[in-house]
Amino acid sequence: MQLACADEMPLDTPSKHEDKSVFFPFAHPHSALDQSFKLLRSDNWENRMEGLNSIRRLAQFHPNVLTPKLHSICLVVVQEVQNLRSQVSRVAVATLGELYHHLQHAMDPELDWTSKTLLQKAGESNRSIREEVDVALRHMRHSCTPSCALKALINRGLRWAGQGGGVLAHYTFL
């Protein structure tokens, strides 16, 4: 049995709603990670977005800095995915996608519960969030261990399907 992509959009195609800011490496990535956690604990939504974008930059340029604290990072990012402010939620979904894309197999232990959060968000009425979820799931599919990604989607997707959602739109069986 082989898995094939259900969609043909290239992985590096930005979504319409992607943050247009250009990311650069941090001079002091460990300090940047500490600052990101502080920003994400803030009550100010703009600070939270800045913290999420810092994690995206760290994932892109300094993935080795994130790996030791990956579970804690995923916890705070998933918390922001559930944020009621759609801008914060959308950036958090994009952050999960970046984590999948740049940390690849290191994200395998986090797949089961992070994919659950994304599948729940896929049912949102907000179009830009649904599009970001699609991009994040595409990153998961292409970057993580295929068997782990498929297992997470099946385990979480089947439960989600019982609530009226779709299952496995990102895989077709040949």
N, C-alpha and C. Protein backbone atom coordinates (compact mmCIF):
# COMPACT_ATOMS: atom_id res chain seq x y z
N MET A 1 0.85 -1.17 0.00
CA MET A 1 0.00 0.00 0.00
C MET A 1 0.90 1.24 0.00
N GLN A 2 0.64 2.15 -0.90
CA GLN A 2 1.40 3.39 -0.98
C GLN A 2 0.51 4.56 -0.64
N LEU A 3 1.13 5.59 -0.10
CA LEU A 3 0.41 6.81 0.19
C LEU A 3 0.74 7.84 -0.88
N ALA A 4 -0.25 8.54 -1.32
CA ALA A 4 -0.03 9.60 -2.30
C ALA A 4 -0.68 10.87 -1.78
N CYS A 5 -0.17 11.98 -2.19
CA CYS A 5 -0.71 13.27 -1.75
C CYS A 5 -2.09 13.48 -2.36
N ALA A 6 -3.00 13.97 -1.55
CA ALA A 6 -4.34 14.26 -2.03
C ALA A 6 -4.39 15.61 -2.73
N ASP A 7 -3.43 16.46 -2.45
CA ASP A 7 -3.42 17.77 -3.08
C ASP A 7 -2.12 17.94 -3.84
N GLU A 8 -2.11 18.82 -4.78
CA GLU A 8 -0.94 19.00 -5.63
C GLU A 8 -0.24 20.33 -5.40
N MET A 9 -0.69 21.13 -4.43
CA MET A 9 -0.07 22.41 -4.15
C MET A 9 1.34 22.18 -3.60
N PRO A 10 2.36 22.83 -4.17
CA PRO A 10 3.71 22.65 -3.65
C PRO A 10 3.80 23.07 -2.18
N LEU A 11 4.64 22.37 -1.44
CA LEU A 11 4.76 22.60 -0.01
C LEU A 11 5.24 24.00 0.31
N ASP A 12 6.07 24.58 -0.54
CA ASP A 12 6.62 25.89 -0.23
C ASP A 12 5.75 27.04 -0.73
N THR A 13 4.56 26.74 -1.21
CA THR A 13 3.64 27.78 -1.65
C THR A 13 3.04 28.45 -0.43
N PRO A 14 3.25 29.77 -0.26
CA PRO A 14 2.70 30.43 0.91
C PRO A 14 1.18 30.57 0.78
N SER A 15 0.52 30.53 1.91
CA SER A 15 -0.92 30.75 1.89
C SER A 15 -1.18 32.23 1.67
N LYS A 16 -2.41 32.56 1.33
CA LYS A 16 -2.77 33.96 1.10
C LYS A 16 -2.59 34.79 2.35
N HIS A 17 -2.70 34.14 3.50
CA HIS A 17 -2.72 34.87 4.76
C HIS A 17 -1.39 34.76 5.51
N GLU A 18 -0.37 34.23 4.85
CA GLU A 18 0.90 34.03 5.53
C GLU A 18 1.53 35.37 5.90
N ASP A 19 2.16 35.38 7.05
CA ASP A 19 2.87 36.56 7.52
C ASP A 19 3.95 36.92 6.50
N LYS A 20 3.92 38.13 6.01
CA LYS A 20 4.84 38.54 4.95
C LYS A 20 6.20 39.00 5.49
N SER A 21 6.37 39.02 6.81
CA SER A 21 7.64 39.47 7.35
C SER A 21 8.74 38.47 7.00
N VAL A 22 9.93 38.99 6.82
CA VAL A 22 11.07 38.16 6.48
C VAL A 22 11.78 37.80 7.78
N PHE A 23 12.06 36.53 7.94
CA PHE A 23 12.72 36.07 9.15
C PHE A 23 14.22 35.99 8.94
N PHE A 24 14.96 36.35 9.97
CA PHE A 24 16.42 36.26 9.97
C PHE A 24 16.85 35.48 11.20
N PRO A 25 18.05 34.89 11.15
CA PRO A 25 18.54 34.17 12.34
C PRO A 25 18.73 35.11 13.52
N PHE A 26 18.62 34.56 14.71
CA PHE A 26 18.89 35.32 15.93
C PHE A 26 20.38 35.30 16.22
N ALA A 27 20.88 36.39 16.76
CA ALA A 27 22.28 36.44 17.19
C ALA A 27 22.48 35.57 18.44
N HIS A 28 21.46 35.54 19.31
CA HIS A 28 21.52 34.77 20.55
C HIS A 28 20.25 33.93 20.66
N PRO A 29 20.23 32.78 20.00
CA PRO A 29 18.99 32.00 19.93
C PRO A 29 18.47 31.49 21.28
N HIS A 30 19.36 31.16 22.21
CA HIS A 30 18.89 30.68 23.52
C HIS A 30 18.16 31.80 24.28
N SER A 31 18.69 32.99 24.19
CA SER A 31 18.02 34.14 24.81
C SER A 31 16.69 34.43 24.11
N ALA A 32 16.68 34.25 22.81
CA ALA A 32 15.44 34.47 22.04
C ALA A 32 14.36 33.48 22.46
N LEU A 33 14.75 32.25 22.74
CA LEU A 33 13.77 31.26 23.20
C LEU A 33 13.20 31.65 24.56
N ASP A 34 14.07 32.07 25.46
CA ASP A 34 13.60 32.53 26.77
C ASP A 34 12.65 33.71 26.62
N GLN A 35 13.01 34.65 25.75
CA GLN A 35 12.16 35.81 25.51
C GLN A 35 10.82 35.40 24.89
N SER A 36 10.85 34.40 24.03
CA SER A 36 9.61 33.91 23.41
C SER A 36 8.64 33.39 24.46
N PHE A 37 9.16 32.63 25.42
CA PHE A 37 8.30 32.12 26.49
C PHE A 37 7.71 33.27 27.30
N LYS A 38 8.52 34.31 27.56
CA LYS A 38 8.01 35.47 28.30
C LYS A 38 6.90 36.17 27.52
N LEU A 39 7.13 36.34 26.23
CA LEU A 39 6.12 37.00 25.38
C LEU A 39 4.83 36.19 25.33
N LEU A 40 4.95 34.88 25.30
CA LEU A 40 3.76 34.03 25.22
C LEU A 40 2.99 33.98 26.54
N ARG A 41 3.61 34.38 27.63
CA ARG A 41 2.90 34.46 28.91
C ARG A 41 2.22 35.82 29.10
N SER A 42 2.44 36.72 28.18
CA SER A 42 1.89 38.07 28.28
C SER A 42 0.37 38.06 28.09
N ASP A 43 -0.28 39.06 28.65
CA ASP A 43 -1.72 39.23 28.43
C ASP A 43 -2.00 39.97 27.13
N ASN A 44 -0.98 40.58 26.56
CA ASN A 44 -1.12 41.36 25.33
C ASN A 44 -1.05 40.41 24.12
N TRP A 45 -2.08 40.42 23.29
CA TRP A 45 -2.12 39.50 22.15
C TRP A 45 -1.01 39.78 21.14
N GLU A 46 -0.61 41.03 21.00
CA GLU A 46 0.47 41.35 20.05
C GLU A 46 1.80 40.76 20.53
N ASN A 47 2.02 40.77 21.84
CA ASN A 47 3.22 40.13 22.39
C ASN A 47 3.20 38.63 22.13
N ARG A 48 2.03 38.04 22.26
CA ARG A 48 1.91 36.61 22.00
C ARG A 48 2.24 36.29 20.55
N MET A 49 1.76 37.13 19.64
CA MET A 49 2.08 36.92 18.23
C MET A 49 3.58 37.06 17.98
N GLU A 50 4.19 38.03 18.64
CA GLU A 50 5.64 38.20 18.51
C GLU A 50 6.37 36.96 19.04
N GLY A 51 5.90 36.42 20.15
CA GLY A 51 6.50 35.20 20.70
C GLY A 51 6.35 34.02 19.75
N LEU A 52 5.19 33.88 19.13
CA LEU A 52 4.98 32.80 18.16
C LEU A 52 5.88 32.97 16.94
N ASN A 53 5.99 34.20 16.45
CA ASN A 53 6.87 34.44 15.30
C ASN A 53 8.33 34.19 15.65
N SER A 54 8.70 34.45 16.89
CA SER A 54 10.07 34.14 17.32
C SER A 54 10.31 32.63 17.30
N ILE A 55 9.32 31.87 17.71
CA ILE A 55 9.46 30.41 17.67
C ILE A 55 9.56 29.94 16.22
N ARG A 56 8.81 30.58 15.33
CA ARG A 56 8.92 30.24 13.91
C ARG A 56 10.33 30.51 13.39
N ARG A 57 10.89 31.64 13.78
CA ARG A 57 12.27 31.98 13.37
C ARG A 57 13.26 30.97 13.94
N LEU A 58 13.07 30.62 15.20
CA LEU A 58 13.96 29.63 15.82
C LEU A 58 13.85 28.29 15.11
N ALA A 59 12.64 27.90 14.75
CA ALA A 59 12.46 26.63 14.03
C ALA A 59 13.18 26.67 12.69
N GLN A 60 13.10 27.79 12.03
CA GLN A 60 13.71 27.91 10.71
C GLN A 60 15.23 27.96 10.76
N PHE A 61 15.78 28.70 11.70
CA PHE A 61 17.23 28.94 11.71
C PHE A 61 17.99 28.24 12.83
N HIS A 62 17.31 27.88 13.90
CA HIS A 62 17.99 27.30 15.07
C HIS A 62 17.19 26.12 15.64
N PRO A 63 16.84 25.13 14.83
CA PRO A 63 16.00 24.05 15.33
C PRO A 63 16.62 23.29 16.50
N ASN A 64 17.94 23.22 16.54
CA ASN A 64 18.61 22.51 17.64
C ASN A 64 18.36 23.17 18.99
N VAL A 65 18.06 24.46 19.00
CA VAL A 65 17.76 25.17 20.25
C VAL A 65 16.37 24.76 20.77
N LEU A 66 15.47 24.45 19.86
CA LEU A 66 14.10 24.10 20.25
C LEU A 66 13.97 22.65 20.71
N THR A 67 14.78 21.78 20.17
CA THR A 67 14.62 20.34 20.41
C THR A 67 14.57 19.95 21.89
N PRO A 68 15.47 20.45 22.74
CA PRO A 68 15.40 20.03 24.15
C PRO A 68 14.13 20.46 24.88
N LYS A 69 13.49 21.51 24.42
CA LYS A 69 12.28 22.02 25.08
C LYS A 69 11.05 21.88 24.18
N LEU A 70 11.11 20.95 23.26
CA LEU A 70 10.07 20.84 22.24
C LEU A 70 8.68 20.59 22.82
N HIS A 71 8.58 19.73 23.80
CA HIS A 71 7.27 19.44 24.38
C HIS A 71 6.66 20.70 25.01
N SER A 72 7.46 21.43 25.77
CA SER A 72 6.97 22.67 26.39
C SER A 72 6.59 23.70 25.34
N ILE A 73 7.36 23.76 24.28
CA ILE A 73 7.06 24.70 23.19
C ILE A 73 5.73 24.33 22.55
N CYS A 74 5.55 23.05 22.27
CA CYS A 74 4.29 22.61 21.66
C CYS A 74 3.10 22.89 22.57
N LEU A 75 3.28 22.73 23.87
CA LEU A 75 2.19 23.03 24.80
C LEU A 75 1.74 24.48 24.69
N VAL A 76 2.69 25.41 24.67
CA VAL A 76 2.29 26.82 24.61
C VAL A 76 1.74 27.18 23.23
N VAL A 77 2.29 26.57 22.19
CA VAL A 77 1.78 26.86 20.84
C VAL A 77 0.35 26.34 20.69
N VAL A 78 0.10 25.12 21.16
CA VAL A 78 -1.25 24.55 21.07
C VAL A 78 -2.24 25.39 21.89
N GLN A 79 -1.79 25.90 23.01
CA GLN A 79 -2.65 26.78 23.81
C GLN A 79 -3.05 28.01 22.99
N GLU A 80 -2.11 28.54 22.21
CA GLU A 80 -2.41 29.71 21.39
C GLU A 80 -3.24 29.35 20.16
N VAL A 81 -3.14 28.12 19.68
CA VAL A 81 -4.02 27.68 18.58
C VAL A 81 -5.47 27.82 19.02
N GLN A 82 -5.72 27.61 20.28
CA GLN A 82 -7.08 27.68 20.81
C GLN A 82 -7.47 29.09 21.26
N ASN A 83 -6.60 30.06 21.03
CA ASN A 83 -6.86 31.44 21.40
C ASN A 83 -8.11 31.94 20.65
N LEU A 84 -8.93 32.71 21.33
CA LEU A 84 -10.16 33.21 20.71
C LEU A 84 -9.90 34.32 19.70
N ARG A 85 -8.77 34.98 19.80
CA ARG A 85 -8.42 36.01 18.81
C ARG A 85 -7.90 35.29 17.57
N SER A 86 -8.60 35.44 16.46
CA SER A 86 -8.28 34.66 15.26
C SER A 86 -6.88 34.92 14.73
N GLN A 87 -6.38 36.14 14.86
CA GLN A 87 -5.03 36.44 14.38
C GLN A 87 -3.99 35.62 15.13
N VAL A 88 -4.15 35.53 16.44
CA VAL A 88 -3.22 34.76 17.26
C VAL A 88 -3.34 33.28 16.92
N SER A 89 -4.56 32.81 16.81
CA SER A 89 -4.79 31.40 16.50
C SER A 89 -4.17 31.03 15.16
N ARG A 90 -4.35 31.87 14.16
CA ARG A 90 -3.81 31.60 12.83
C ARG A 90 -2.29 31.53 12.85
N VAL A 91 -1.64 32.46 13.55
CA VAL A 91 -0.18 32.45 13.63
C VAL A 91 0.29 31.23 14.42
N ALA A 92 -0.46 30.82 15.42
CA ALA A 92 -0.10 29.62 16.19
C ALA A 92 -0.19 28.37 15.31
N VAL A 93 -1.21 28.29 14.47
CA VAL A 93 -1.33 27.17 13.54
C VAL A 93 -0.15 27.17 12.58
N ALA A 94 0.20 28.35 12.07
CA ALA A 94 1.36 28.46 11.18
C ALA A 94 2.65 28.05 11.90
N THR A 95 2.73 28.37 13.18
CA THR A 95 3.90 28.00 13.98
C THR A 95 4.00 26.48 14.09
N LEU A 96 2.88 25.81 14.32
CA LEU A 96 2.91 24.35 14.35
C LEU A 96 3.40 23.80 13.01
N GLY A 97 2.92 24.39 11.93
CA GLY A 97 3.37 23.96 10.61
C GLY A 97 4.87 24.13 10.44
N GLU A 98 5.39 25.25 10.92
CA GLU A 98 6.84 25.49 10.84
C GLU A 98 7.61 24.49 11.69
N LEU A 99 7.07 24.17 12.86
CA LEU A 99 7.72 23.17 13.71
C LEU A 99 7.77 21.82 13.00
N TYR A 100 6.66 21.42 12.39
CA TYR A 100 6.65 20.16 11.63
C TYR A 100 7.68 20.22 10.51
N HIS A 101 7.67 21.32 9.79
CA HIS A 101 8.52 21.44 8.60
C HIS A 101 10.01 21.43 8.95
N HIS A 102 10.41 22.17 9.96
CA HIS A 102 11.83 22.33 10.24
C HIS A 102 12.38 21.32 11.25
N LEU A 103 11.55 20.83 12.15
CA LEU A 103 12.04 19.86 13.14
C LEU A 103 11.77 18.42 12.71
N GLN A 104 10.97 18.25 11.73
CA GLN A 104 10.67 16.98 11.09
C GLN A 104 10.46 15.84 12.08
N HIS A 105 11.32 14.83 12.08
CA HIS A 105 11.12 13.63 12.89
C HIS A 105 11.16 13.91 14.39
N ALA A 106 11.77 15.00 14.79
CA ALA A 106 11.77 15.36 16.21
C ALA A 106 10.35 15.66 16.70
N MET A 107 9.45 15.99 15.77
CA MET A 107 8.06 16.28 16.13
C MET A 107 7.21 15.01 16.26
N ASP A 108 7.73 13.87 15.87
CA ASP A 108 6.95 12.63 15.91
C ASP A 108 6.29 12.37 17.27
N PRO A 109 7.01 12.53 18.40
CA PRO A 109 6.35 12.27 19.69
C PRO A 109 5.21 13.25 20.01
N GLU A 110 5.18 14.38 19.34
CA GLU A 110 4.16 15.39 19.61
C GLU A 110 2.97 15.29 18.65
N LEU A 111 3.07 14.42 17.65
CA LEU A 111 2.06 14.37 16.59
C LEU A 111 0.66 14.05 17.07
N ASP A 112 0.52 13.09 17.94
CA ASP A 112 -0.81 12.62 18.31
C ASP A 112 -1.68 13.75 18.85
N TRP A 113 -1.15 14.50 19.76
CA TRP A 113 -1.97 15.55 20.38
C TRP A 113 -1.94 16.87 19.62
N THR A 114 -0.86 17.17 18.90
CA THR A 114 -0.87 18.41 18.12
C THR A 114 -1.78 18.27 16.90
N SER A 115 -1.82 17.07 16.31
CA SER A 115 -2.72 16.87 15.16
C SER A 115 -4.18 16.94 15.60
N LYS A 116 -4.46 16.50 16.81
CA LYS A 116 -5.83 16.60 17.33
C LYS A 116 -6.28 18.06 17.35
N THR A 117 -5.40 18.92 17.81
CA THR A 117 -5.71 20.35 17.88
C THR A 117 -5.94 20.92 16.48
N LEU A 118 -5.10 20.52 15.53
CA LEU A 118 -5.27 21.01 14.16
C LEU A 118 -6.57 20.50 13.54
N LEU A 119 -6.89 19.24 13.77
CA LEU A 119 -8.13 18.70 13.21
C LEU A 119 -9.35 19.40 13.79
N GLN A 120 -9.28 19.75 15.07
CA GLN A 120 -10.38 20.50 15.67
C GLN A 120 -10.50 21.88 15.03
N LYS A 121 -9.37 22.50 14.74
CA LYS A 121 -9.38 23.83 14.13
C LYS A 121 -9.84 23.78 12.67
N ALA A 122 -9.71 22.63 12.03
CA ALA A 122 -10.11 22.51 10.63
C ALA A 122 -11.61 22.75 10.46
N GLY A 123 -12.35 22.61 11.52
CA GLY A 123 -13.79 22.84 11.46
C GLY A 123 -14.19 24.29 11.70
N GLU A 124 -13.23 25.17 11.85
CA GLU A 124 -13.50 26.59 12.09
C GLU A 124 -14.24 27.22 10.92
N SER A 125 -15.02 28.22 11.23
CA SER A 125 -15.70 28.95 10.16
C SER A 125 -14.76 29.97 9.51
N ASN A 126 -13.69 30.34 10.20
CA ASN A 126 -12.74 31.31 9.69
C ASN A 126 -11.90 30.67 8.57
N ARG A 127 -12.05 31.20 7.38
CA ARG A 127 -11.39 30.64 6.20
C ARG A 127 -9.86 30.67 6.30
N SER A 128 -9.31 31.78 6.80
CA SER A 128 -7.85 31.89 6.86
C SER A 128 -7.27 30.87 7.84
N ILE A 129 -7.98 30.57 8.91
CA ILE A 129 -7.51 29.55 9.85
C ILE A 129 -7.58 28.18 9.19
N ARG A 130 -8.67 27.89 8.50
CA ARG A 130 -8.78 26.60 7.81
C ARG A 130 -7.65 26.42 6.79
N GLU A 131 -7.31 27.49 6.08
CA GLU A 131 -6.23 27.41 5.10
C GLU A 131 -4.88 27.16 5.78
N GLU A 132 -4.65 27.82 6.91
CA GLU A 132 -3.40 27.59 7.66
C GLU A 132 -3.34 26.17 8.21
N VAL A 133 -4.48 25.66 8.65
CA VAL A 133 -4.53 24.27 9.13
C VAL A 133 -4.14 23.33 7.99
N ASP A 134 -4.65 23.59 6.81
CA ASP A 134 -4.33 22.76 5.66
C ASP A 134 -2.82 22.78 5.38
N VAL A 135 -2.22 23.96 5.44
CA VAL A 135 -0.77 24.08 5.23
C VAL A 135 -0.01 23.34 6.32
N ALA A 136 -0.43 23.49 7.57
CA ALA A 136 0.26 22.82 8.68
C ALA A 136 0.16 21.30 8.55
N LEU A 137 -1.02 20.80 8.17
CA LEU A 137 -1.16 19.36 8.00
C LEU A 137 -0.33 18.86 6.81
N ARG A 138 -0.21 19.69 5.80
CA ARG A 138 0.64 19.33 4.66
C ARG A 138 2.11 19.25 5.10
N HIS A 139 2.53 20.19 5.93
CA HIS A 139 3.89 20.14 6.47
C HIS A 139 4.08 18.88 7.31
N MET A 140 3.08 18.55 8.10
CA MET A 140 3.17 17.35 8.92
C MET A 140 3.32 16.13 8.03
N ARG A 141 2.51 16.05 7.00
CA ARG A 141 2.53 14.90 6.11
C ARG A 141 3.87 14.74 5.40
N HIS A 142 4.47 15.85 4.99
CA HIS A 142 5.71 15.78 4.23
C HIS A 142 6.96 15.69 5.09
N SER A 143 6.90 16.14 6.34
CA SER A 143 8.12 16.28 7.13
C SER A 143 8.28 15.26 8.24
N CYS A 144 7.21 14.79 8.79
CA CYS A 144 7.29 13.84 9.90
C CYS A 144 7.34 12.42 9.35
N THR A 145 7.65 11.47 10.22
CA THR A 145 7.67 10.08 9.81
C THR A 145 6.27 9.70 9.32
N PRO A 146 6.16 9.20 8.09
CA PRO A 146 4.84 8.93 7.52
C PRO A 146 3.96 8.02 8.38
N SER A 147 4.54 6.98 8.94
CA SER A 147 3.71 6.07 9.74
C SER A 147 3.19 6.77 11.00
N CYS A 148 4.00 7.63 11.59
CA CYS A 148 3.55 8.37 12.78
C CYS A 148 2.46 9.39 12.42
N ALA A 149 2.66 10.08 11.30
CA ALA A 149 1.66 11.07 10.87
C ALA A 149 0.34 10.38 10.53
N LEU A 150 0.42 9.28 9.82
CA LEU A 150 -0.80 8.56 9.44
C LEU A 150 -1.51 8.02 10.67
N LYS A 151 -0.75 7.47 11.60
CA LYS A 151 -1.34 6.95 12.84
C LYS A 151 -2.05 8.07 13.60
N ALA A 152 -1.41 9.22 13.71
CA ALA A 152 -2.02 10.35 14.43
C ALA A 152 -3.30 10.81 13.73
N LEU A 153 -3.26 10.89 12.41
CA LEU A 153 -4.46 11.33 11.67
C LEU A 153 -5.58 10.30 11.78
N ILE A 154 -5.23 9.04 11.72
CA ILE A 154 -6.27 8.01 11.85
C ILE A 154 -6.85 8.02 13.25
N ASN A 155 -5.98 8.00 14.26
CA ASN A 155 -6.46 7.99 15.65
C ASN A 155 -7.32 9.20 15.96
N ARG A 156 -6.84 10.36 15.61
CA ARG A 156 -7.57 11.59 15.92
C ARG A 156 -8.65 11.88 14.89
N GLY A 157 -8.38 11.55 13.64
CA GLY A 157 -9.33 11.83 12.58
C GLY A 157 -10.59 11.01 12.69
N LEU A 158 -10.47 9.76 13.10
CA LEU A 158 -11.66 8.93 13.24
C LEU A 158 -12.54 9.44 14.37
N ARG A 159 -11.93 9.87 15.45
CA ARG A 159 -12.71 10.45 16.55
C ARG A 159 -13.38 11.74 16.09
N TRP A 160 -12.63 12.53 15.32
CA TRP A 160 -13.14 13.80 14.84
C TRP A 160 -14.26 13.58 13.83
N ALA A 161 -14.16 12.52 13.01
CA ALA A 161 -15.16 12.24 11.99
C ALA A 161 -16.52 11.97 12.63
N GLY A 162 -16.51 11.37 13.80
CA GLY A 162 -17.76 11.11 14.49
C GLY A 162 -18.47 12.37 14.92
N GLN A 163 -17.75 13.49 14.91
CA GLN A 163 -18.33 14.77 15.29
C GLN A 163 -18.67 15.61 14.06
N GLY A 164 -18.69 14.97 12.89
CA GLY A 164 -19.10 15.67 11.68
C GLY A 164 -17.96 16.17 10.83
N GLY A 165 -16.71 15.86 11.18
CA GLY A 165 -15.57 16.33 10.40
C GLY A 165 -15.17 15.33 9.33
N GLY A 166 -14.28 15.72 8.49
CA GLY A 166 -13.75 14.83 7.46
C GLY A 166 -12.50 14.13 7.97
N VAL A 167 -12.13 13.05 7.32
CA VAL A 167 -10.99 12.27 7.77
C VAL A 167 -9.99 12.12 6.63
N LEU A 168 -8.74 12.31 6.95
CA LEU A 168 -7.64 11.98 6.07
C LEU A 168 -7.71 12.62 4.69
N ALA A 169 -8.04 13.86 4.66
CA ALA A 169 -8.06 14.57 3.38
C ALA A 169 -6.65 14.70 2.81
N HIS A 170 -5.66 14.43 3.63
CA HIS A 170 -4.28 14.61 3.20
C HIS A 170 -3.62 13.32 2.73
N TYR A 171 -4.35 12.24 2.71
CA TYR A 171 -3.82 10.98 2.22
C TYR A 171 -4.86 10.29 1.36
N THR A 172 -4.41 9.66 0.30
CA THR A 172 -5.27 8.76 -0.45
C THR A 172 -4.54 7.45 -0.56
N PHE A 173 -5.28 6.39 -0.57
CA PHE A 173 -4.67 5.07 -0.64
C PHE A 173 -4.73 4.58 -2.07
N LEU A 174 -3.60 4.07 -2.56
CA LEU A 174 -3.54 3.54 -3.93
C LEU A 174 -3.66 2.04 -3.91
